[in-house]
N, C-alpha and C. Protein backbone atom coordinates (compact mmCIF):
# COMPACT_ATOMS: atom_id res chain seq x y z
N MET A 1 0.81 -0.97 -0.22
CA MET A 1 0.03 0.04 0.04
C MET A 1 0.94 1.32 -0.10
N THR A 2 0.68 1.84 -1.02
CA THR A 2 1.41 3.30 -0.97
C THR A 2 0.73 4.54 -0.21
N ALA A 3 1.48 5.14 0.40
CA ALA A 3 1.22 6.25 0.98
C ALA A 3 0.99 7.12 0.20
N GLY A 4 -0.37 8.27 0.29
CA GLY A 4 -0.74 9.51 -0.55
C GLY A 4 0.93 10.63 -0.31
N PRO A 5 0.63 11.69 -1.14
CA PRO A 5 1.42 12.77 -0.67
C PRO A 5 1.34 13.30 0.78
N VAL A 6 2.11 13.74 1.35
CA VAL A 6 2.36 14.20 2.42
C VAL A 6 1.66 15.47 2.57
N GLU A 7 0.59 15.86 3.68
CA GLU A 7 -0.03 16.83 3.96
C GLU A 7 0.61 18.06 4.48
N PRO A 8 0.74 19.10 3.89
CA PRO A 8 1.85 20.08 4.41
C PRO A 8 1.41 20.64 5.69
N MET A 9 2.22 21.04 6.58
CA MET A 9 2.25 21.48 8.15
C MET A 9 3.08 22.98 7.80
N ARG A 10 1.88 23.73 8.45
CA ARG A 10 1.90 25.09 8.22
C ARG A 10 2.40 25.32 9.51
N VAL A 11 3.55 26.14 9.92
CA VAL A 11 4.26 26.44 11.02
C VAL A 11 4.50 28.07 10.93
N LEU A 12 4.05 28.55 12.24
CA LEU A 12 4.53 29.56 12.53
C LEU A 12 5.58 29.92 13.39
N VAL A 13 6.63 30.37 13.06
CA VAL A 13 8.05 30.83 13.62
C VAL A 13 7.92 32.20 14.25
N VAL A 14 7.92 32.59 15.54
CA VAL A 14 7.73 33.70 16.30
C VAL A 14 9.05 33.93 16.97
N ASP A 15 9.59 35.12 16.52
CA ASP A 15 11.04 35.49 17.38
C ASP A 15 11.32 36.80 17.02
N ASP A 16 11.67 37.66 17.93
CA ASP A 16 12.00 39.15 17.78
C ASP A 16 13.51 39.51 17.19
N ASN A 17 14.07 38.26 16.80
CA ASN A 17 15.33 38.47 15.83
C ASN A 17 15.07 38.20 14.73
N ALA A 18 14.77 39.19 13.75
CA ALA A 18 14.70 38.70 12.34
C ALA A 18 15.53 38.00 11.62
N ASP A 19 16.73 37.91 11.88
CA ASP A 19 17.92 37.06 11.42
C ASP A 19 17.80 35.74 11.84
N LEU A 20 17.23 35.15 12.95
CA LEU A 20 17.05 33.95 13.51
C LEU A 20 16.28 33.36 13.06
N VAL A 21 14.65 34.01 13.01
CA VAL A 21 13.61 33.61 12.45
C VAL A 21 13.94 33.33 11.28
N ASP A 22 14.28 33.82 10.23
CA ASP A 22 14.65 33.31 8.75
C ASP A 22 15.55 32.22 8.74
N VAL A 23 16.64 32.35 9.52
CA VAL A 23 17.31 30.73 9.56
C VAL A 23 16.28 29.68 10.25
N VAL A 24 15.73 29.78 11.16
CA VAL A 24 15.08 28.97 11.37
C VAL A 24 13.89 28.47 10.47
N ALA A 25 13.03 29.34 9.92
CA ALA A 25 12.14 28.97 8.76
C ALA A 25 13.01 28.34 7.35
N GLU A 26 14.25 28.81 7.45
CA GLU A 26 14.80 28.15 6.23
C GLU A 26 15.23 26.77 6.25
N PHE A 27 15.83 26.54 7.82
CA PHE A 27 16.25 25.07 8.31
C PHE A 27 15.11 24.02 8.10
N LEU A 28 14.09 24.65 8.65
CA LEU A 28 12.64 23.85 8.87
C LEU A 28 12.52 22.88 7.28
N GLY A 29 12.30 24.33 6.35
CA GLY A 29 11.89 23.87 5.08
C GLY A 29 13.16 22.81 4.42
N ARG A 30 14.24 22.83 4.83
CA ARG A 30 15.34 22.13 4.50
C ARG A 30 15.17 20.54 4.92
N GLU A 31 14.66 20.84 6.25
CA GLU A 31 14.63 19.37 6.81
C GLU A 31 13.46 18.60 6.84
N HIS A 32 12.47 19.38 6.26
CA HIS A 32 11.07 18.51 5.87
C HIS A 32 10.34 19.09 4.91
N ASP A 33 10.40 18.73 3.92
CA ASP A 33 9.55 19.24 2.69
C ASP A 33 8.20 19.76 2.88
N ALA A 34 7.51 18.85 3.82
CA ALA A 34 6.14 19.50 3.76
C ALA A 34 5.90 20.58 4.97
N ILE A 35 7.19 21.27 5.71
CA ILE A 35 6.84 21.96 6.72
C ILE A 35 7.10 23.17 5.86
N GLU A 36 5.88 24.02 5.69
CA GLU A 36 5.67 25.29 5.41
C GLU A 36 5.77 26.45 6.65
N THR A 37 6.67 27.57 6.39
CA THR A 37 6.69 28.25 7.29
C THR A 37 6.27 29.73 6.80
N ALA A 38 5.52 30.44 7.99
CA ALA A 38 5.42 31.76 8.14
C ALA A 38 6.35 32.14 9.12
N THR A 39 6.44 33.63 9.31
CA THR A 39 7.12 34.08 10.66
C THR A 39 6.30 35.46 11.00
N ALA A 40 6.60 35.60 12.42
CA ALA A 40 6.14 36.82 13.42
C ALA A 40 7.12 37.26 13.97
N ALA A 41 7.27 38.54 14.01
CA ALA A 41 8.51 39.20 14.92
C ALA A 41 8.23 39.70 16.35
N SER A 42 6.84 39.34 16.58
CA SER A 42 6.19 39.62 17.79
C SER A 42 5.22 38.68 18.23
N ALA A 43 4.95 38.81 19.57
CA ALA A 43 3.80 38.34 20.04
C ALA A 43 2.54 38.48 19.33
N GLU A 44 2.18 39.96 19.58
CA GLU A 44 0.99 40.30 18.83
C GLU A 44 0.81 40.11 17.45
N GLU A 45 1.79 40.11 16.62
CA GLU A 45 1.83 39.87 15.27
C GLU A 45 1.58 38.57 15.15
N ALA A 46 1.87 37.38 15.94
CA ALA A 46 1.67 36.10 16.04
C ALA A 46 0.45 35.66 16.09
N LEU A 47 -0.31 36.48 17.24
CA LEU A 47 -1.55 36.37 17.61
C LEU A 47 -2.64 36.79 16.49
N GLU A 48 -1.97 37.99 15.75
CA GLU A 48 -2.89 38.18 14.49
C GLU A 48 -2.86 37.49 13.33
N GLY A 49 -2.18 36.91 13.21
CA GLY A 49 -1.77 35.61 12.25
C GLY A 49 -2.73 34.64 12.26
N ILE A 50 -2.54 34.09 13.46
CA ILE A 50 -3.46 32.88 14.13
C ILE A 50 -4.89 33.12 13.94
N ARG A 51 -5.45 34.38 14.39
CA ARG A 51 -6.48 34.64 14.62
C ARG A 51 -6.92 34.58 13.05
N ALA A 52 -6.56 35.17 12.02
CA ALA A 52 -6.62 35.11 10.71
C ALA A 52 -6.73 33.73 10.28
N ASP A 53 -5.77 33.01 10.38
CA ASP A 53 -5.61 31.81 9.76
C ASP A 53 -4.64 30.82 10.49
N PRO A 54 -5.20 30.00 11.82
CA PRO A 54 -4.64 29.37 12.54
C PRO A 54 -3.60 28.26 11.76
N PRO A 55 -2.25 27.89 11.97
CA PRO A 55 -1.09 27.23 11.94
C PRO A 55 -1.50 26.03 12.39
N ASP A 56 -0.72 25.01 11.67
CA ASP A 56 -0.75 23.58 12.56
C ASP A 56 0.16 23.36 13.77
N CYS A 57 1.48 24.17 13.84
CA CYS A 57 2.13 24.29 15.08
C CYS A 57 2.51 25.95 15.01
N VAL A 58 3.00 26.11 16.49
CA VAL A 58 3.63 27.47 16.36
C VAL A 58 4.85 27.08 17.35
N VAL A 59 6.04 27.65 16.77
CA VAL A 59 7.37 27.45 17.20
C VAL A 59 7.71 29.05 17.90
N SER A 60 7.95 29.23 19.06
CA SER A 60 8.11 30.56 19.55
C SER A 60 9.47 30.73 20.58
N ASP A 61 10.33 31.63 20.35
CA ASP A 61 11.26 31.91 21.41
C ASP A 61 10.65 32.54 22.86
N TYR A 62 11.28 32.62 24.03
CA TYR A 62 10.95 32.73 25.34
C TYR A 62 10.85 34.22 25.18
N ASP A 63 12.28 34.74 25.40
CA ASP A 63 12.51 36.05 25.53
C ASP A 63 12.25 37.30 24.43
N MET A 64 11.00 37.81 24.53
CA MET A 64 10.66 38.45 23.62
C MET A 64 9.94 39.66 24.19
N PRO A 65 10.16 41.14 23.50
CA PRO A 65 9.77 42.23 24.23
C PRO A 65 8.07 42.31 24.32
N GLY A 66 7.46 43.04 25.30
CA GLY A 66 6.23 43.13 25.19
C GLY A 66 5.64 41.71 26.11
N ARG A 67 5.65 40.76 25.60
CA ARG A 67 5.18 39.80 25.89
C ARG A 67 6.01 38.22 25.52
N ASN A 68 6.44 37.32 26.87
CA ASN A 68 7.32 36.49 26.43
C ASN A 68 6.47 35.13 25.68
N GLY A 69 7.21 34.33 25.76
CA GLY A 69 6.54 32.96 24.84
C GLY A 69 5.45 32.40 25.62
N LEU A 70 5.61 32.42 26.88
CA LEU A 70 4.62 31.57 27.72
C LEU A 70 3.78 32.56 27.68
N GLU A 71 3.59 33.79 27.82
CA GLU A 71 2.44 34.59 27.94
C GLU A 71 1.55 34.58 26.35
N LEU A 72 2.45 34.20 25.36
CA LEU A 72 1.71 34.03 24.28
C LEU A 72 1.22 32.75 24.08
N LEU A 73 1.60 31.78 24.45
CA LEU A 73 0.90 30.30 24.81
C LEU A 73 -0.16 30.31 25.52
N ARG A 74 -0.18 31.25 26.53
CA ARG A 74 -1.35 31.38 27.58
C ARG A 74 -2.69 31.99 26.40
N ASP A 75 -2.32 33.10 25.65
CA ASP A 75 -3.30 33.85 25.20
C ASP A 75 -3.62 32.82 23.88
N ILE A 76 -2.88 31.99 23.34
CA ILE A 76 -3.15 30.99 21.95
C ILE A 76 -3.97 29.99 22.70
N ARG A 77 -3.93 29.46 23.88
CA ARG A 77 -4.81 28.37 24.52
C ARG A 77 -6.20 28.81 24.68
N GLU A 78 -6.60 30.28 24.70
CA GLU A 78 -7.93 30.76 25.07
C GLU A 78 -8.67 30.32 23.82
N THR A 79 -7.91 30.46 22.63
CA THR A 79 -8.97 30.09 21.44
C THR A 79 -8.59 28.72 20.72
N GLU A 80 -7.35 28.67 20.86
CA GLU A 80 -6.89 27.15 20.24
C GLU A 80 -5.92 26.13 21.15
N PRO A 81 -6.87 25.65 21.71
CA PRO A 81 -6.77 24.77 23.26
C PRO A 81 -5.42 23.76 22.79
N ASP A 82 -5.79 23.16 21.78
CA ASP A 82 -4.84 22.07 21.03
C ASP A 82 -3.84 22.19 20.50
N LEU A 83 -3.81 23.72 19.96
CA LEU A 83 -2.54 23.85 19.06
C LEU A 83 -1.21 23.57 19.38
N PRO A 84 -0.56 22.55 18.82
CA PRO A 84 0.82 22.53 19.28
C PRO A 84 1.83 23.80 19.41
N PHE A 85 2.49 23.86 20.43
CA PHE A 85 3.19 24.95 20.59
C PHE A 85 4.60 24.32 21.22
N ILE A 86 5.61 24.77 20.28
CA ILE A 86 7.12 24.40 20.63
C ILE A 86 7.87 25.90 21.18
N LEU A 87 8.37 25.94 22.36
CA LEU A 87 8.97 26.96 23.04
C LEU A 87 10.56 26.50 22.30
N PHE A 88 11.25 27.22 21.57
CA PHE A 88 12.34 27.00 21.17
C PHE A 88 13.12 28.43 21.34
N THR A 89 14.06 28.11 22.66
CA THR A 89 14.60 29.19 23.19
C THR A 89 15.75 29.14 23.50
N GLY A 90 16.49 30.28 23.65
CA GLY A 90 17.97 30.49 23.88
C GLY A 90 18.22 30.55 25.24
N LYS A 91 17.38 31.03 25.79
CA LYS A 91 17.38 31.49 27.31
C LYS A 91 16.68 30.41 28.09
N GLY A 92 17.56 29.39 28.23
CA GLY A 92 17.04 28.46 28.97
C GLY A 92 17.67 28.15 30.50
N SER A 93 16.42 27.69 31.10
CA SER A 93 16.93 27.38 32.53
C SER A 93 15.76 26.00 32.91
N GLU A 94 16.06 25.87 34.12
CA GLU A 94 15.32 24.74 34.66
C GLU A 94 13.98 25.28 35.05
N GLU A 95 14.20 26.71 35.47
CA GLU A 95 12.95 27.45 35.84
C GLU A 95 11.99 27.81 34.87
N ILE A 96 12.71 27.73 33.86
CA ILE A 96 11.93 28.16 32.59
C ILE A 96 11.07 27.20 31.96
N ALA A 97 12.05 25.88 31.97
CA ALA A 97 11.62 24.71 31.70
C ALA A 97 10.44 24.16 32.19
N SER A 98 10.30 24.32 33.76
CA SER A 98 9.36 23.88 34.54
C SER A 98 8.08 24.82 34.21
N GLU A 99 8.45 26.11 34.12
CA GLU A 99 7.00 26.59 33.96
C GLU A 99 6.56 26.52 32.62
N ALA A 100 7.31 26.47 31.64
CA ALA A 100 6.76 25.97 30.41
C ALA A 100 5.77 24.67 30.35
N ILE A 101 6.48 23.57 31.16
CA ILE A 101 5.78 22.50 31.19
C ILE A 101 4.62 22.51 31.57
N SER A 102 4.35 23.36 32.82
CA SER A 102 3.39 23.22 33.72
C SER A 102 2.10 24.31 32.60
N ALA A 103 2.44 25.34 32.02
CA ALA A 103 1.96 26.31 30.65
C ALA A 103 1.32 25.34 29.96
N GLY A 104 1.67 24.19 29.87
CA GLY A 104 1.08 23.18 28.56
C GLY A 104 1.86 23.37 27.36
N VAL A 105 3.22 23.52 27.01
CA VAL A 105 4.14 23.61 25.80
C VAL A 105 3.67 22.18 25.30
N THR A 106 3.79 21.98 24.14
CA THR A 106 3.91 20.69 23.62
C THR A 106 5.33 20.25 23.58
N GLU A 107 6.15 21.05 23.45
CA GLU A 107 7.91 20.74 23.55
C GLU A 107 8.49 22.02 24.01
N TYR A 108 9.62 21.45 24.60
CA TYR A 108 10.63 22.67 24.84
C TYR A 108 12.10 22.46 24.48
N LEU A 109 12.44 23.18 23.50
CA LEU A 109 13.90 22.86 23.10
C LEU A 109 14.50 24.14 23.38
N GLN A 110 15.88 23.62 23.62
CA GLN A 110 16.97 24.92 23.44
C GLN A 110 17.38 24.89 22.22
N LYS A 111 17.64 26.55 22.01
CA LYS A 111 18.59 26.87 20.69
C LYS A 111 20.09 26.56 21.00
N GLY A 112 20.64 25.98 19.86
CA GLY A 112 22.00 25.67 20.15
C GLY A 112 22.53 26.69 18.78
N THR A 113 24.18 25.93 18.74
CA THR A 113 24.92 26.46 17.71
C THR A 113 24.93 25.37 16.43
N ALA A 114 24.48 24.14 16.45
CA ALA A 114 24.59 23.17 15.50
C ALA A 114 23.64 22.96 14.84
N THR A 115 23.54 22.65 13.55
CA THR A 115 22.46 22.79 12.53
C THR A 115 21.70 21.20 12.86
N GLU A 116 22.21 20.42 13.62
CA GLU A 116 21.32 19.30 13.96
C GLU A 116 19.76 19.66 14.84
N GLN A 117 20.03 20.86 15.41
CA GLN A 117 18.83 21.09 16.11
C GLN A 117 17.63 21.26 15.48
N TYR A 118 17.99 21.79 13.95
CA TYR A 118 16.75 21.70 13.23
C TYR A 118 15.94 20.70 12.73
N ALA A 119 16.92 19.49 12.74
CA ALA A 119 16.66 18.42 12.33
C ALA A 119 15.38 17.89 13.76
N VAL A 120 16.09 17.82 14.69
CA VAL A 120 15.27 17.80 15.99
C VAL A 120 13.73 18.53 15.95
N LEU A 121 13.98 19.53 15.91
CA LEU A 121 12.71 20.83 15.82
C LEU A 121 11.90 20.23 14.73
N ALA A 122 12.51 19.61 13.53
CA ALA A 122 11.40 19.58 12.28
C ALA A 122 10.51 17.89 12.76
N ASN A 123 11.45 17.20 13.53
CA ASN A 123 10.77 16.22 13.95
C ASN A 123 9.87 16.17 15.12
N ARG A 124 10.14 17.02 16.09
CA ARG A 124 9.35 17.33 17.16
C ARG A 124 7.95 17.97 16.39
N ILE A 125 7.95 18.94 15.44
CA ILE A 125 7.01 19.44 14.85
C ILE A 125 5.87 18.40 13.94
N GLU A 126 6.59 17.67 13.27
CA GLU A 126 6.13 16.48 12.57
C GLU A 126 5.33 15.62 13.70
N ARG A 127 5.84 15.15 14.65
CA ARG A 127 4.94 14.31 15.57
C ARG A 127 3.78 15.10 16.45
N ALA A 128 4.08 16.23 16.57
CA ALA A 128 3.23 17.34 17.24
C ALA A 128 1.91 17.75 16.54
N VAL A 129 2.10 17.56 15.38
CA VAL A 129 0.79 17.90 13.99
C VAL A 129 0.16 16.41 13.75
N GLY A 130 1.06 15.76 13.74
CA GLY A 130 0.80 14.49 13.34
C GLY A 130 -0.24 13.70 14.37
N GLU A 131 0.07 13.75 15.74
CA GLU A 131 -0.45 13.61 17.16
C GLU A 131 -1.95 14.38 16.95
N ARG A 132 -2.24 15.78 16.54
CA ARG A 132 -3.06 16.56 16.82
C ARG A 132 -4.08 15.83 15.29
N ARG A 133 -3.28 16.02 14.52
CA ARG A 133 -4.61 15.18 13.42
C ARG A 133 -5.01 14.12 13.64
N ALA A 134 -4.34 12.97 14.18
CA ALA A 134 -4.87 11.61 14.42
C ALA A 134 -5.80 11.87 15.47
N ARG A 135 -6.03 12.96 16.53
CA ARG A 135 -7.00 13.16 17.62
C ARG A 135 -8.15 13.57 16.96
N LYS A 136 -7.97 14.39 15.79
CA LYS A 136 -9.36 15.26 14.97
C LYS A 136 -9.68 14.03 14.31
N ARG A 137 -9.18 13.20 13.66
CA ARG A 137 -9.69 12.24 12.65
C ARG A 137 -10.63 11.03 13.64
N GLN A 138 -9.70 10.78 14.62
CA GLN A 138 -10.48 10.10 15.75
C GLN A 138 -11.70 10.42 15.92
N ALA A 139 -11.89 11.69 16.57
CA ALA A 139 -12.96 12.81 17.08
C ALA A 139 -14.20 12.43 15.77
N GLU A 140 -13.71 12.66 14.85
CA GLU A 140 -14.52 12.96 13.43
C GLU A 140 -15.10 11.24 13.20
N THR A 141 -14.56 10.46 13.70
CA THR A 141 -14.86 8.73 13.26
C THR A 141 -16.02 8.73 14.36
N GLN A 142 -15.45 9.09 15.86
CA GLN A 142 -16.45 8.51 16.71
C GLN A 142 -17.83 9.60 16.65
N ARG A 143 -17.72 10.64 16.01
CA ARG A 143 -18.96 11.49 15.84
C ARG A 143 -19.79 11.03 15.04
N ARG A 144 -19.20 10.55 13.88
CA ARG A 144 -19.91 9.48 13.08
C ARG A 144 -20.54 8.52 13.39
N PHE A 145 -19.77 7.52 13.93
CA PHE A 145 -20.30 6.29 14.67
C PHE A 145 -21.67 6.67 16.00
N THR A 146 -21.46 7.78 16.73
CA THR A 146 -22.44 7.82 17.67
C THR A 146 -23.88 8.39 16.49
N MET A 147 -23.50 9.26 15.45
CA MET A 147 -24.65 9.53 14.72
C MET A 147 -25.23 8.48 14.30
N LEU A 148 -24.47 7.60 13.76
CA LEU A 148 -25.15 6.39 12.96
C LEU A 148 -26.05 5.66 14.08
N VAL A 149 -25.50 5.47 15.24
CA VAL A 149 -26.16 4.63 15.94
C VAL A 149 -27.34 5.06 16.78
N GLU A 150 -27.37 6.48 16.93
CA GLU A 150 -28.35 7.28 17.52
C GLU A 150 -29.49 7.39 16.61
N ASN A 151 -29.25 7.07 15.39
CA ASN A 151 -30.24 7.15 13.95
C ASN A 151 -30.54 5.67 13.86
N LEU A 152 -29.98 4.70 14.05
CA LEU A 152 -30.12 3.18 13.51
C LEU A 152 -31.55 2.93 13.93
N PRO A 153 -32.44 3.00 15.17
CA PRO A 153 -33.70 2.89 15.41
C PRO A 153 -34.73 3.54 14.33
N GLY A 154 -34.44 4.95 14.13
CA GLY A 154 -35.27 5.58 13.16
C GLY A 154 -35.42 4.68 11.60
N MET A 155 -33.71 4.25 11.52
CA MET A 155 -33.77 3.84 9.90
C MET A 155 -34.46 2.22 10.00
N ALA A 156 -34.41 1.34 11.22
CA ALA A 156 -34.96 0.25 11.23
C ALA A 156 -36.27 0.13 11.14
N TYR A 157 -37.11 1.59 11.62
CA TYR A 157 -38.38 1.41 11.73
C TYR A 157 -39.01 1.72 10.39
N ARG A 158 -38.14 2.76 9.24
CA ARG A 158 -38.48 3.00 8.10
C ARG A 158 -38.32 1.94 7.07
N CYS A 159 -37.41 0.79 7.69
CA CYS A 159 -37.50 -0.12 6.83
C CYS A 159 -38.55 -1.21 6.68
N ARG A 160 -38.96 -1.25 8.09
CA ARG A 160 -40.18 -1.76 8.15
C ARG A 160 -41.44 -1.73 7.42
């Protein structure tokens, strides 16, 4: 059985460092053909983009002016509670990692200087988006099954 074409994964990369956000977007595209990136230079810009057209995943820096990555996550969770959110930060500490996990990040990764980090990031994005899509398919299948079972008595009566 041959798998069909890979469905694109739309990823929003949020970082106030314009050079870095472009590098992340470029390397993600190189690491995985299905990853399509959009960028935002601030949390406010990211929220506007998410409201207009929610991506499949958000990759955000922690330390940004105005609103940090975890504050952005909390704002996103109000309207998109299951949107995968990866905190990809250079300002890492056990305290931030603990706070990130408590806030409900999907993944927490520290930025580094090696390009291998982008392969790890692409893998985490693929896994998070895949899991979310699988949950949505399962919920839709369950909804259809429930509707069928609920309508079964009426269908049997009409057939008589």
